Amino acid sequence: VQLVESGGGLVQPGGSLRLSCAATGLAFSPYEMKWYRQRPGEERELVARIKSGGGIRAYVPAVKGRFSISRDDAKNTVFLQMNSLNTEDTAVYYCNANRYEELTGETDYWGQGTQVTVSS
C-alpha cells in the first residue's frame, strides 16, 4: 500500500494550494481519508476528514471555511483545497487512510508528507 502526496510548495499569504494524495494497493472507497499536518516542533494534528462515500466531512476550526476536502474514488485520490493561506498553515501535510472492520480491527496507512510553506 502506498499513499503519495503532492501539490505542496511555497505560497504567499492569501494564496491557494491544492494537495493531492493518490492511493495504490488498497480498496480505496471503504476508507475514511484524512489530512493531518505537523508544524515544526509540534505534534501532528488532524486538519480534515472525509468519510467513505464523501457525504460527511469535518474540519478543525482553524481551517474551516478556508480548506475543502474531497475525494475521487474512481481515481483513488483525496484532495485538500487550501485557500486564504496564512503563515500558521506552514507545515508538513500528511495523508491518512483509515478503516475499521469488526473482524480485523483498525487499518491505518500514511503518506510520506508534503511541505507547505506560506511566506512572503
PDB file of N, CA and C in Angstrom:
ATOM      1  N   VAL A   1       0.843  -1.188   0.000  1.00  0.00           N
ATOM      2  CA  VAL A   1       0.000   0.000   0.000  1.00  0.00           C
ATOM      3  C   VAL A   1       0.880   1.240   0.000  1.00  0.00           C
ATOM      4  N   GLN A   2       0.511   2.193  -0.855  1.00  0.00           N
ATOM      5  CA  GLN A   2       1.240   3.461  -0.904  1.00  0.00           C
ATOM      6  C   GLN A   2       0.267   4.620  -0.970  1.00  0.00           C
ATOM      7  N   LEU A   3       0.553   5.637  -0.173  1.00  0.00           N
ATOM      8  CA  LEU A   3      -0.147   6.909  -0.286  1.00  0.00           C
ATOM      9  C   LEU A   3       0.900   7.944  -0.659  1.00  0.00           C
ATOM     10  N   VAL A   4       0.685   8.642  -1.772  1.00  0.00           N
ATOM     11  CA  VAL A   4       1.673   9.592  -2.256  1.00  0.00           C
ATOM     12  C   VAL A   4       1.033  10.968  -2.365  1.00  0.00           C
ATOM     13  N   GLU A   5       1.524  11.877  -1.521  1.00  0.00           N
ATOM     14  CA  GLU A   5       1.026  13.253  -1.543  1.00  0.00           C
ATOM     15  C   GLU A   5       1.787  14.079  -2.566  1.00  0.00           C
ATOM     16  N   SER A   6       1.119  15.084  -3.090  1.00  0.00           N
ATOM     17  CA  SER A   6       1.744  16.037  -3.996  1.00  0.00           C
ATOM     18  C   SER A   6       0.999  17.356  -3.901  1.00  0.00           C
ATOM     19  N   GLY A   7       1.597  18.401  -4.474  1.00  0.00           N
ATOM     20  CA  GLY A   7       0.937  19.693  -4.522  1.00  0.00           C
ATOM     21  C   GLY A   7       1.429  20.714  -3.524  1.00  0.00           C
ATOM     22  N   GLY A   8       2.318  20.312  -2.632  1.00  0.00           N
ATOM     23  CA  GLY A   8       2.862  21.258  -1.689  1.00  0.00           C
ATOM     24  C   GLY A   8       3.816  22.230  -2.355  1.00  0.00           C
ATOM     25  N   GLY A   9       4.250  23.228  -1.585  1.00  0.00           N
ATOM     26  CA  GLY A   9       5.185  24.196  -2.128  1.00  0.00           C
ATOM     27  C   GLY A   9       5.187  25.475  -1.342  1.00  0.00           C
ATOM     28  N   LEU A  10       5.763  26.493  -1.931  1.00  0.00           N
ATOM     29  CA  LEU A  10       5.860  27.819  -1.321  1.00  0.00           C
ATOM     30  C   LEU A  10       4.778  28.716  -1.916  1.00  0.00           C
ATOM     31  N   VAL A  11       4.039  29.375  -1.044  1.00  0.00           N
ATOM     32  CA  VAL A  11       2.971  30.264  -1.490  1.00  0.00           C
ATOM     33  C   VAL A  11       2.944  31.492  -0.597  1.00  0.00           C
ATOM     34  N   GLN A  12       2.528  32.611  -1.150  1.00  0.00           N
ATOM     35  CA  GLN A  12       2.425  33.837  -0.365  1.00  0.00           C
ATOM     36  C   GLN A  12       1.165  33.830   0.489  1.00  0.00           C
ATOM     37  N   PRO A  13       1.166  34.569   1.588  1.00  0.00           N
ATOM     38  CA  PRO A  13      -0.054  34.686   2.395  1.00  0.00           C
ATOM     39  C   PRO A  13      -1.231  35.147   1.540  1.00  0.00           C
ATOM     40  N   GLY A  14      -2.368  34.508   1.770  1.00  0.00           N
ATOM     41  CA  GLY A  14      -3.549  34.796   0.976  1.00  0.00           C
ATOM     42  C   GLY A  14      -3.687  33.925  -0.254  1.00  0.00           C
ATOM     43  N   GLY A  15      -2.664  33.170  -0.566  1.00  0.00           N
ATOM     44  CA  GLY A  15      -2.683  32.313  -1.738  1.00  0.00           C
ATOM     45  C   GLY A  15      -3.372  30.990  -1.505  1.00  0.00           C
ATOM     46  N   SER A  16      -3.336  30.153  -2.539  1.00  0.00           N
ATOM     47  CA  SER A  16      -4.019  28.860  -2.500  1.00  0.00           C
ATOM     48  C   SER A  16      -3.095  27.751  -2.979  1.00  0.00           C
ATOM     49  N   LEU A  17      -3.353  26.562  -2.470  1.00  0.00           N
ATOM     50  CA  LEU A  17      -2.699  25.353  -2.944  1.00  0.00           C
ATOM     51  C   LEU A  17      -3.728  24.232  -2.932  1.00  0.00           C
ATOM     52  N   ARG A  18      -3.509  23.254  -3.802  1.00  0.00           N
ATOM     53  CA  ARG A  18      -4.350  22.061  -3.803  1.00  0.00           C
ATOM     54  C   ARG A  18      -3.455  20.838  -3.637  1.00  0.00           C
ATOM     55  N   LEU A  19      -3.623  20.166  -2.524  1.00  0.00           N
ATOM     56  CA  LEU A  19      -2.874  18.944  -2.263  1.00  0.00           C
ATOM     57  C   LEU A  19      -3.647  17.745  -2.805  1.00  0.00           C
ATOM     58  N   SER A  20      -2.896  16.760  -3.286  1.00  0.00           N
ATOM     59  CA  SER A  20      -3.474  15.502  -3.736  1.00  0.00           C
ATOM     60  C   SER A  20      -2.800  14.348  -3.017  1.00  0.00           C
ATOM     61  N   CYS A  21      -3.530  13.289  -2.835  1.00  0.00           N
ATOM     62  CA  CYS A  21      -2.983  12.071  -2.245  1.00  0.00           C
ATOM     63  C   CYS A  21      -3.514  10.894  -3.043  1.00  0.00           C
ATOM     64  N   ALA A  22      -2.628  10.249  -3.763  1.00  0.00           N
ATOM     65  CA  ALA A  22      -3.010   9.113  -4.598  1.00  0.00           C
ATOM     66  C   ALA A  22      -2.685   7.811  -3.872  1.00  0.00           C
ATOM     67  N   ALA A  23      -3.665   6.943  -3.782  1.00  0.00           N
ATOM     68  CA  ALA A  23      -3.500   5.671  -3.079  1.00  0.00           C
ATOM     69  C   ALA A  23      -3.393   4.521  -4.069  1.00  0.00           C
ATOM     70  N   THR A  24      -2.471   3.622  -3.803  1.00  0.00           N
ATOM     71  CA  THR A  24      -2.346   2.405  -4.594  1.00  0.00           C
ATOM     72  C   THR A  24      -2.249   1.210  -3.661  1.00  0.00           C
ATOM     73  N   GLY A  25      -2.746   0.077  -4.125  1.00  0.00           N
ATOM     74  CA  GLY A  25      -2.616  -1.149  -3.361  1.00  0.00           C
ATOM     75  C   GLY A  25      -3.672  -1.383  -2.308  1.00  0.00           C
ATOM     76  N   LEU A  26      -4.718  -0.554  -2.290  1.00  0.00           N
ATOM     77  CA  LEU A  26      -5.800  -0.794  -1.346  1.00  0.00           C
ATOM     78  C   LEU A  26      -7.136  -0.507  -1.999  1.00  0.00           C
ATOM     79  N   ALA A  27      -8.160  -1.123  -1.459  1.00  0.00           N
ATOM     80  CA  ALA A  27      -9.515  -0.839  -1.921  1.00  0.00           C
ATOM     81  C   ALA A  27      -9.919   0.500  -1.325  1.00  0.00           C
ATOM     82  N   PHE A  28      -9.837   1.543  -2.101  1.00  0.00           N
ATOM     83  CA  PHE A  28      -9.880   2.925  -1.607  1.00  0.00           C
ATOM     84  C   PHE A  28     -11.235   3.321  -1.030  1.00  0.00           C
ATOM     85  N   SER A  29     -12.300   2.987  -1.717  1.00  0.00           N
ATOM     86  CA  SER A  29     -13.597   3.577  -1.385  1.00  0.00           C
ATOM     87  C   SER A  29     -14.088   3.301   0.041  1.00  0.00           C
ATOM     88  N   PRO A  30     -13.792   2.160   0.673  1.00  0.00           N
ATOM     89  CA  PRO A  30     -14.293   1.975   2.042  1.00  0.00           C
ATOM     90  C   PRO A  30     -13.527   2.766   3.103  1.00  0.00           C
ATOM     91  N   TYR A  31     -12.407   3.360   2.736  1.00  0.00           N
ATOM     92  CA  TYR A  31     -11.571   4.031   3.721  1.00  0.00           C
ATOM     93  C   TYR A  31     -12.027   5.458   3.986  1.00  0.00           C
ATOM     94  N   GLU A  32     -12.004   5.827   5.271  1.00  0.00           N
ATOM     95  CA  GLU A  32     -12.085   7.227   5.626  1.00  0.00           C
ATOM     96  C   GLU A  32     -10.717   7.827   5.334  1.00  0.00           C
ATOM     97  N   MET A  33     -10.709   9.012   4.708  1.00  0.00           N
ATOM     98  CA  MET A  33      -9.468   9.665   4.361  1.00  0.00           C
ATOM     99  C   MET A  33      -9.322  10.935   5.189  1.00  0.00           C
ATOM    100  N   LYS A  34      -8.102  11.187   5.622  1.00  0.00           N
ATOM    101  CA  LYS A  34      -7.838  12.337   6.486  1.00  0.00           C
ATOM    102  C   LYS A  34      -6.572  13.052   6.022  1.00  0.00           C
ATOM    103  N   TRP A  35      -6.548  14.342   6.298  1.00  0.00           N
ATOM    104  CA  TRP A  35      -5.338  15.134   6.151  1.00  0.00           C
ATOM    105  C   TRP A  35      -4.903  15.601   7.545  1.00  0.00           C
ATOM    106  N   TYR A  36      -3.642  15.368   7.843  1.00  0.00           N
ATOM    107  CA  TYR A  36      -3.021  15.862   9.064  1.00  0.00           C
ATOM    108  C   TYR A  36      -1.942  16.859   8.658  1.00  0.00           C
ATOM    109  N   ARG A  37      -1.493  17.625   9.645  1.00  0.00           N
ATOM    110  CA  ARG A  37      -0.323  18.478   9.431  1.00  0.00           C
ATOM    111  C   ARG A  37       0.518  18.505  10.696  1.00  0.00           C
ATOM    112  N   GLN A  38       1.790  18.770  10.473  1.00  0.00           N
ATOM    113  CA  GLN A  38       2.719  18.871  11.596  1.00  0.00           C
ATOM    114  C   GLN A  38       3.589  20.090  11.398  1.00  0.00           C
ATOM    115  N   ARG A  39       3.405  21.050  12.304  1.00  0.00           N
ATOM    116  CA  ARG A  39       4.231  22.252  12.288  1.00  0.00           C
ATOM    117  C   ARG A  39       5.557  21.939  12.968  1.00  0.00           C
ATOM    118  N   PRO A  40       6.611  22.692  12.667  1.00  0.00           N
ATOM    119  CA  PRO A  40       7.903  22.461  13.312  1.00  0.00           C
ATOM    120  C   PRO A  40       7.785  22.526  14.824  1.00  0.00           C
ATOM    121  N   GLY A  41       8.293  21.510  15.488  1.00  0.00           N
ATOM    122  CA  GLY A  41       8.299  21.491  16.941  1.00  0.00           C
ATOM    123  C   GLY A  41       6.969  21.139  17.581  1.00  0.00           C
ATOM    124  N   GLU A  42       5.973  20.796  16.765  1.00  0.00           N
ATOM    125  CA  GLU A  42       4.662  20.491  17.320  1.00  0.00           C
ATOM    126  C   GLU A  42       4.245  19.069  16.944  1.00  0.00           C
ATOM    127  N   GLU A  43       3.192  18.599  17.614  1.00  0.00           N
ATOM    128  CA  GLU A  43       2.665  17.276  17.298  1.00  0.00           C
ATOM    129  C   GLU A  43       1.807  17.339  16.031  1.00  0.00           C
ATOM    130  N   ARG A  44       1.652  16.187  15.430  1.00  0.00           N
ATOM    131  CA  ARG A  44       0.807  16.088  14.253  1.00  0.00           C
ATOM    132  C   ARG A  44      -0.646  16.312  14.668  1.00  0.00           C
ATOM    133  N   GLU A  45      -1.381  17.102  13.877  1.00  0.00           N
ATOM    134  CA  GLU A  45      -2.772  17.385  14.192  1.00  0.00           C
ATOM    135  C   GLU A  45      -3.666  17.081  12.987  1.00  0.00           C
ATOM    136  N   LEU A  46      -4.861  16.629  13.310  1.00  0.00           N
ATOM    137  CA  LEU A  46      -5.846  16.353  12.263  1.00  0.00           C
ATOM    138  C   LEU A  46      -6.393  17.675  11.731  1.00  0.00           C
ATOM    139  N   VAL A  47      -6.464  17.795  10.412  1.00  0.00           N
ATOM    140  CA  VAL A  47      -6.937  19.018   9.771  1.00  0.00           C
ATOM    141  C   VAL A  47      -8.326  18.823   9.177  1.00  0.00           C
ATOM    142  N   ALA A  48      -8.497  17.717   8.457  1.00  0.00           N
ATOM    143  CA  ALA A  48      -9.773  17.487   7.762  1.00  0.00           C
ATOM    144  C   ALA A  48      -9.962  15.992   7.558  1.00  0.00           C
ATOM    145  N   ARG A  49     -11.220  15.582   7.465  1.00  0.00           N
ATOM    146  CA  ARG A  49     -11.527  14.174   7.246  1.00  0.00           C
ATOM    147  C   ARG A  49     -12.744  14.065   6.350  1.00  0.00           C
ATOM    148  N   ILE A  50     -12.788  12.972   5.594  1.00  0.00           N
ATOM    149  CA  ILE A  50     -13.930  12.720   4.729  1.00  0.00           C
ATOM    150  C   ILE A  50     -14.249  11.236   4.812  1.00  0.00           C
ATOM    151  N   LYS A  51     -15.494  10.952   5.116  1.00  0.00           N
ATOM    152  CA  LYS A  51     -15.928   9.571   5.295  1.00  0.00           C
ATOM    153  C   LYS A  51     -16.005   8.849   3.955  1.00  0.00           C
ATOM    154  N   SER A  52     -16.058   7.531   4.029  1.00  0.00           N
ATOM    155  CA  SER A  52     -16.332   6.727   2.858  1.00  0.00           C
ATOM    156  C   SER A  52     -17.622   7.191   2.219  1.00  0.00           C
ATOM    157  N   GLY A  53     -17.616   7.373   0.919  1.00  0.00           N
ATOM    158  CA  GLY A  53     -18.789   7.876   0.219  1.00  0.00           C
ATOM    159  C   GLY A  53     -18.780   9.387   0.053  1.00  0.00           C
ATOM    160  N   GLY A  54     -18.013  10.080   0.859  1.00  0.00           N
ATOM    161  CA  GLY A  54     -17.838  11.519   0.700  1.00  0.00           C
ATOM    162  C   GLY A  54     -18.942  12.387   1.277  1.00  0.00           C
ATOM    163  N   GLY A  55     -19.955  11.767   1.877  1.00  0.00           N
ATOM    164  CA  GLY A  55     -21.078  12.567   2.338  1.00  0.00           C
ATOM    165  C   GLY A  55     -20.830  13.318   3.630  1.00  0.00           C
ATOM    166  N   ILE A  56     -19.852  12.874   4.414  1.00  0.00           N
ATOM    167  CA  ILE A  56     -19.582  13.515   5.705  1.00  0.00           C
ATOM    168  C   ILE A  56     -18.151  14.032   5.691  1.00  0.00           C
ATOM    169  N   ARG A  57     -17.991  15.325   5.960  1.00  0.00           N
ATOM    170  CA  ARG A  57     -16.681  15.964   6.008  1.00  0.00           C
ATOM    171  C   ARG A  57     -16.592  16.789   7.281  1.00  0.00           C
ATOM    172  N   ALA A  58     -15.403  16.896   7.811  1.00  0.00           N
ATOM    173  CA  ALA A  58     -15.213  17.680   9.029  1.00  0.00           C
ATOM    174  C   ALA A  58     -13.851  18.354   8.984  1.00  0.00           C
ATOM    175  N   TYR A  59     -13.766  19.503   9.694  1.00  0.00           N
ATOM    176  CA  TYR A  59     -12.560  20.306   9.667  1.00  0.00           C
ATOM    177  C   TYR A  59     -12.224  20.797  11.067  1.00  0.00           C
ATOM    178  N   VAL A  60     -10.945  20.983  11.313  1.00  0.00           N
ATOM    179  CA  VAL A  60     -10.531  21.638  12.541  1.00  0.00           C
ATOM    180  C   VAL A  60     -10.933  23.112  12.428  1.00  0.00           C
ATOM    181  N   PRO A  61     -11.325  23.767  13.529  1.00  0.00           N
ATOM    182  CA  PRO A  61     -11.819  25.148  13.441  1.00  0.00           C
ATOM    183  C   PRO A  61     -10.860  26.115  12.749  1.00  0.00           C
ATOM    184  N   ALA A  62      -9.560  25.899  12.875  1.00  0.00           N
ATOM    185  CA  ALA A  62      -8.582  26.842  12.311  1.00  0.00           C
ATOM    186  C   ALA A  62      -8.627  26.903  10.790  1.00  0.00           C
ATOM    187  N   VAL A  63      -9.176  25.864  10.137  1.00  0.00           N
ATOM    188  CA  VAL A  63      -9.182  25.840   8.677  1.00  0.00           C
ATOM    189  C   VAL A  63     -10.585  25.867   8.099  1.00  0.00           C
ATOM    190  N   LYS A  64     -11.595  25.771   8.949  1.00  0.00           N
ATOM    191  CA  LYS A  64     -12.972  25.728   8.465  1.00  0.00           C
ATOM    192  C   LYS A  64     -13.296  26.992   7.686  1.00  0.00           C
ATOM    193  N   GLY A  65     -13.887  26.803   6.508  1.00  0.00           N
ATOM    194  CA  GLY A  65     -14.209  27.931   5.649  1.00  0.00           C
ATOM    195  C   GLY A  65     -13.100  28.302   4.692  1.00  0.00           C
ATOM    196  N   ARG A  66     -11.896  27.780   4.932  1.00  0.00           N
ATOM    197  CA  ARG A  66     -10.762  28.062   4.039  1.00  0.00           C
ATOM    198  C   ARG A  66     -10.305  26.812   3.288  1.00  0.00           C
ATOM    199  N   PHE A  67     -10.385  25.657   3.935  1.00  0.00           N
ATOM    200  CA  PHE A  67      -9.952  24.393   3.352  1.00  0.00           C
ATOM    201  C   PHE A  67     -11.166  23.560   2.964  1.00  0.00           C
ATOM    202  N   SER A  68     -10.984  22.756   1.923  1.00  0.00           N
ATOM    203  CA  SER A  68     -12.056  21.860   1.493  1.00  0.00           C
ATOM    204  C   SER A  68     -11.466  20.514   1.104  1.00  0.00           C
ATOM    205  N   ILE A  69     -11.988  19.461   1.722  1.00  0.00           N
ATOM    206  CA  ILE A  69     -11.516  18.108   1.417  1.00  0.00           C
ATOM    207  C   ILE A  69     -12.513  17.441   0.476  1.00  0.00           C
ATOM    208  N   SER A  70     -11.989  16.691  -0.460  1.00  0.00           N
ATOM    209  CA  SER A  70     -12.846  15.955  -1.398  1.00  0.00           C
ATOM    210  C   SER A  70     -12.140  14.675  -1.806  1.00  0.00           C
ATOM    211  N   ARG A  71     -12.886  13.783  -2.445  1.00  0.00           N
ATOM    212  CA  ARG A  71     -12.291  12.517  -2.870  1.00  0.00           C
ATOM    213  C   ARG A  71     -12.856  12.111  -4.216  1.00  0.00           C
ATOM    214  N   ASP A  72     -12.036  11.406  -4.975  1.00  0.00           N
ATOM    215  CA  ASP A  72     -12.454  10.835  -6.248  1.00  0.00           C
ATOM    216  C   ASP A  72     -12.146   9.348  -6.155  1.00  0.00           C
ATOM    217  N   ASP A  73     -13.145   8.567  -5.840  1.00  0.00           N
ATOM    218  CA  ASP A  73     -12.923   7.136  -5.643  1.00  0.00           C
ATOM    219  C   ASP A  73     -12.536   6.429  -6.942  1.00  0.00           C
ATOM    220  N   ALA A  74     -12.940   6.969  -8.072  1.00  0.00           N
ATOM    221  CA  ALA A  74     -12.565   6.360  -9.356  1.00  0.00           C
ATOM    222  C   ALA A  74     -11.064   6.479  -9.605  1.00  0.00           C
ATOM    223  N   LYS A  75     -10.456   7.512  -9.000  1.00  0.00           N
ATOM    224  CA  LYS A  75      -9.020   7.738  -9.176  1.00  0.00           C
ATOM    225  C   LYS A  75      -8.228   7.417  -7.920  1.00  0.00           C
ATOM    226  N   ASN A  76      -8.907   6.882  -6.891  1.00  0.00           N
ATOM    227  CA  ASN A  76      -8.232   6.542  -5.631  1.00  0.00           C
ATOM    228  C   ASN A  76      -7.441   7.727  -5.084  1.00  0.00           C
ATOM    229  N   THR A  77      -8.051   8.882  -5.107  1.00  0.00           N
ATOM    230  CA  THR A  77      -7.345  10.102  -4.735  1.00  0.00           C
ATOM    231  C   THR A  77      -8.201  10.962  -3.814  1.00  0.00           C
ATOM    232  N   VAL A  78      -7.543  11.566  -2.840  1.00  0.00           N
ATOM    233  CA  VAL A  78      -8.188  12.540  -1.966  1.00  0.00           C
ATOM    234  C   VAL A  78      -7.460  13.873  -2.144  1.00  0.00           C
ATOM    235  N   PHE A  79      -8.226  14.949  -2.041  1.00  0.00           N
ATOM    236  CA  PHE A  79      -7.698  16.288  -2.278  1.00  0.00           C
ATOM    237  C   PHE A  79      -7.902  17.168  -1.045  1.00  0.00           C
ATOM    238  N   LEU A  80      -7.070  18.176  -0.936  1.00  0.00           N
ATOM    239  CA  LEU A  80      -7.267  19.220   0.066  1.00  0.00           C
ATOM    240  C   LEU A  80      -7.033  20.555  -0.624  1.00  0.00           C
ATOM    241  N   GLN A  81      -8.126  21.267  -0.883  1.00  0.00           N
ATOM    242  CA  GLN A  81      -8.039  22.604  -1.450  1.00  0.00           C
ATOM    243  C   GLN A  81      -7.845  23.587  -0.301  1.00  0.00           C
ATOM    244  N   MET A  82      -6.770  24.355  -0.358  1.00  0.00           N
ATOM    245  CA  MET A  82      -6.436  25.270   0.724  1.00  0.00           C
ATOM    246  C   MET A  82      -6.428  26.689   0.178  1.00  0.00           C
ATOM    247  N   ASN A  83      -7.323  27.510   0.686  1.00  0.00           N
ATOM    248  CA  ASN A  83      -7.430  28.906   0.267  1.00  0.00           C
ATOM    249  C   ASN A  83      -7.107  29.837   1.433  1.00  0.00           C
ATOM    250  N   SER A  84      -6.871  31.090   1.100  1.00  0.00           N
ATOM    251  CA  SER A  84      -6.582  32.114   2.121  1.00  0.00           C
ATOM    252  C   SER A  84      -5.520  31.635   3.100  1.00  0.00           C
ATOM    253  N   LEU A  85      -4.451  31.111   2.565  1.00  0.00           N
ATOM    254  CA  LEU A  85      -3.395  30.555   3.414  1.00  0.00           C
ATOM    255  C   LEU A  85      -2.710  31.640   4.213  1.00  0.00           C
ATOM    256  N   ASN A  86      -2.312  31.292   5.422  1.00  0.00           N
ATOM    257  CA  ASN A  86      -1.538  32.205   6.255  1.00  0.00           C
ATOM    258  C   ASN A  86      -0.320  31.469   6.816  1.00  0.00           C
ATOM    259  N   THR A  87       0.534  32.200   7.472  1.00  0.00           N
ATOM    260  CA  THR A  87       1.802  31.619   7.928  1.00  0.00           C
ATOM    261  C   THR A  87       1.587  30.479   8.927  1.00  0.00           C
ATOM    262  N   GLU A  88       0.465  30.517   9.629  1.00  0.00           N
ATOM    263  CA  GLU A  88       0.163  29.436  10.582  1.00  0.00           C
ATOM    264  C   GLU A  88      -0.125  28.111   9.887  1.00  0.00           C
ATOM    265  N   ASP A  89      -0.363  28.158   8.586  1.00  0.00           N
ATOM    266  CA  ASP A  89      -0.634  26.917   7.838  1.00  0.00           C
ATOM    267  C   ASP A  89       0.655  26.239   7.378  1.00  0.00           C
ATOM    268  N   THR A  90       1.790  26.865   7.617  1.00  0.00           N
ATOM    269  CA  THR A  90       3.062  26.258   7.253  1.00  0.00           C
ATOM    270  C   THR A  90       3.280  24.982   8.055  1.00  0.00           C
ATOM    271  N   ALA A  91       3.464  23.880   7.332  1.00  0.00           N
ATOM    272  CA  ALA A  91       3.588  22.576   7.986  1.00  0.00           C
ATOM    273  C   ALA A  91       3.868  21.520   6.921  1.00  0.00           C
ATOM    274  N   VAL A  92       4.214  20.337   7.402  1.00  0.00           N
ATOM    275  CA  VAL A  92       4.218  19.162   6.525  1.00  0.00           C
ATOM    276  C   VAL A  92       2.815  18.556   6.599  1.00  0.00           C
ATOM    277  N   TYR A  93       2.208  18.326   5.460  1.00  0.00           N
ATOM    278  CA  TYR A  93       0.853  17.789   5.386  1.00  0.00           C
ATOM    279  C   TYR A  93       0.915  16.310   5.009  1.00  0.00           C
ATOM    280  N   TYR A  94       0.190  15.509   5.792  1.00  0.00           N
ATOM    281  CA  TYR A  94       0.193  14.064   5.614  1.00  0.00           C
ATOM    282  C   TYR A  94      -1.207  13.558   5.275  1.00  0.00           C
ATOM    283  N   CYS A  95      -1.241  12.582   4.406  1.00  0.00           N
ATOM    284  CA  CYS A  95      -2.479  11.910   4.046  1.00  0.00           C
ATOM    285  C   CYS A  95      -2.578  10.619   4.874  1.00  0.00           C
ATOM    286  N   ASN A  96      -3.791  10.300   5.301  1.00  0.00           N
ATOM    287  CA  ASN A  96      -4.026   9.093   6.096  1.00  0.00           C
ATOM    288  C   ASN A  96      -5.258   8.365   5.591  1.00  0.00           C
ATOM    289  N   ALA A  97      -5.153   7.050   5.482  1.00  0.00           N
ATOM    290  CA  ALA A  97      -6.297   6.210   5.131  1.00  0.00           C
ATOM    291  C   ALA A  97      -6.604   5.337   6.338  1.00  0.00           C
ATOM    292  N   ASN A  98      -7.850   5.345   6.773  1.00  0.00           N
ATOM    293  CA  ASN A  98      -8.230   4.637   7.991  1.00  0.00           C
ATOM    294  C   ASN A  98      -9.526   3.866   7.773  1.00  0.00           C
ATOM    295  N   ARG A  99      -9.519   2.627   8.293  1.00  0.00           N
ATOM    296  CA  ARG A  99     -10.708   1.806   8.167  1.00  0.00           C
ATOM    297  C   ARG A  99     -10.816   0.901   9.370  1.00  0.00           C
ATOM    298  N   TYR A 100     -12.005   0.736   9.892  1.00  0.00           N
ATOM    299  CA  TYR A 100     -12.248  -0.198  10.989  1.00  0.00           C
ATOM    300  C   TYR A 100     -13.211  -1.280  10.530  1.00  0.00           C
ATOM    301  N   GLU A 101     -12.809  -2.532  10.732  1.00  0.00           N
ATOM    302  CA  GLU A 101     -13.691  -3.657  10.456  1.00  0.00           C
ATOM    303  C   GLU A 101     -13.802  -4.486  11.731  1.00  0.00           C
ATOM    304  N   GLU A 102     -14.979  -4.958  12.004  1.00  0.00           N
ATOM    305  CA  GLU A 102     -15.229  -5.673  13.258  1.00  0.00           C
ATOM    306  C   GLU A 102     -14.336  -6.904  13.391  1.00  0.00           C
ATOM    307  N   LEU A 103     -14.091  -7.598  12.283  1.00  0.00           N
ATOM    308  CA  LEU A 103     -13.316  -8.834  12.352  1.00  0.00           C
ATOM    309  C   LEU A 103     -11.821  -8.568  12.445  1.00  0.00           C
ATOM    310  N   THR A 104     -11.322  -7.612  11.670  1.00  0.00           N
ATOM    311  CA  THR A 104      -9.871  -7.409  11.569  1.00  0.00           C
ATOM    312  C   THR A 104      -9.362  -6.208  12.338  1.00  0.00           C
ATOM    313  N   GLY A 105     -10.279  -5.393  12.866  1.00  0.00           N
ATOM    314  CA  GLY A 105      -9.837  -4.233  13.625  1.00  0.00           C
ATOM    315  C   GLY A 105      -9.514  -3.047  12.741  1.00  0.00           C
ATOM    316  N   GLU A 106      -8.631  -2.194  13.236  1.00  0.00           N
ATOM    317  CA  GLU A 106      -8.329  -0.940  12.563  1.00  0.00           C
ATOM    318  C   GLU A 106      -7.140  -1.099  11.629  1.00  0.00           C
ATOM    319  N   THR A 107      -7.247  -0.490  10.446  1.00  0.00           N
ATOM    320  CA  THR A 107      -6.164  -0.451   9.473  1.00  0.00           C
ATOM    321  C   THR A 107      -5.841   1.007   9.202  1.00  0.00           C
ATOM    322  N   ASP A 108      -4.567   1.326   9.216  1.00  0.00           N
ATOM    323  CA  ASP A 108      -4.113   2.711   9.120  1.00  0.00           C
ATOM    324  C   ASP A 108      -2.927   2.794   8.167  1.00  0.00           C
ATOM    325  N   TYR A 109      -2.993   3.689   7.183  1.00  0.00           N
ATOM    326  CA  TYR A 109      -1.874   3.910   6.281  1.00  0.00           C
ATOM    327  C   TYR A 109      -1.561   5.392   6.208  1.00  0.00           C
ATOM    328  N   TRP A 110      -0.261   5.697   6.024  1.00  0.00           N
ATOM    329  CA  TRP A 110       0.209   7.082   5.984  1.00  0.00           C
ATOM    330  C   TRP A 110       1.027   7.336   4.736  1.00  0.00           C
ATOM    331  N   GLY A 111       0.929   8.572   4.244  1.00  0.00           N
ATOM    332  CA  GLY A 111       1.821   9.026   3.201  1.00  0.00           C
ATOM    333  C   GLY A 111       3.100   9.572   3.807  1.00  0.00           C
ATOM    334  N   GLN A 112       4.004  10.003   2.928  1.00  0.00           N
ATOM    335  CA  GLN A 112       5.312  10.471   3.381  1.00  0.00           C
ATOM    336  C   GLN A 112       5.306  11.953   3.721  1.00  0.00           C
ATOM    337  N   GLY A 113       4.254  12.652   3.345  1.00  0.00           N
ATOM    338  CA  GLY A 113       4.137  14.071   3.661  1.00  0.00           C
ATOM    339  C   GLY A 113       4.566  14.979   2.532  1.00  0.00           C
ATOM    340  N   THR A 114       3.976  16.157   2.500  1.00  0.00           N
ATOM    341  CA  THR A 114       4.356  17.181   1.530  1.00  0.00           C
ATOM    342  C   THR A 114       4.455  18.521   2.255  1.00  0.00           C
ATOM    343  N   GLN A 115       5.503  19.249   1.990  1.00  0.00           N
ATOM    344  CA  GLN A 115       5.766  20.509   2.696  1.00  0.00           C
ATOM    345  C   GLN A 115       4.950  21.644   2.095  1.00  0.00           C
ATOM    346  N   VAL A 116       4.275  22.368   2.967  1.00  0.00           N
ATOM    347  CA  VAL A 116       3.583  23.606   2.582  1.00  0.00           C
ATOM    348  C   VAL A 116       4.216  24.744   3.369  1.00  0.00           C
ATOM    349  N   THR A 117       4.705  25.731   2.660  1.00  0.00           N
ATOM    350  CA  THR A 117       5.327  26.895   3.291  1.00  0.00           C
ATOM    351  C   THR A 117       4.613  28.147   2.827  1.00  0.00           C
ATOM    352  N   VAL A 118       4.083  28.888   3.787  1.00  0.00           N
ATOM    353  CA  VAL A 118       3.389  30.145   3.489  1.00  0.00           C
ATOM    354  C   VAL A 118       4.276  31.284   3.970  1.00  0.00           C
ATOM    355  N   SER A 119       4.772  32.055   3.040  1.00  0.00           N
ATOM    356  CA  SER A 119       5.721  33.107   3.383  1.00  0.00           C
ATOM    357  C   SER A 119       5.750  34.160   2.298  1.00  0.00           C
ATOM    358  N   SER A 120       5.971  35.404   2.727  1.00  0.00           N
ATOM    359  CA  SER A 120       6.104  36.491   1.766  1.00  0.00           C
ATOM    360  C   SER A 120       7.572  36.689   1.397  1.00  0.00           C
TER     361      SER A 120
END
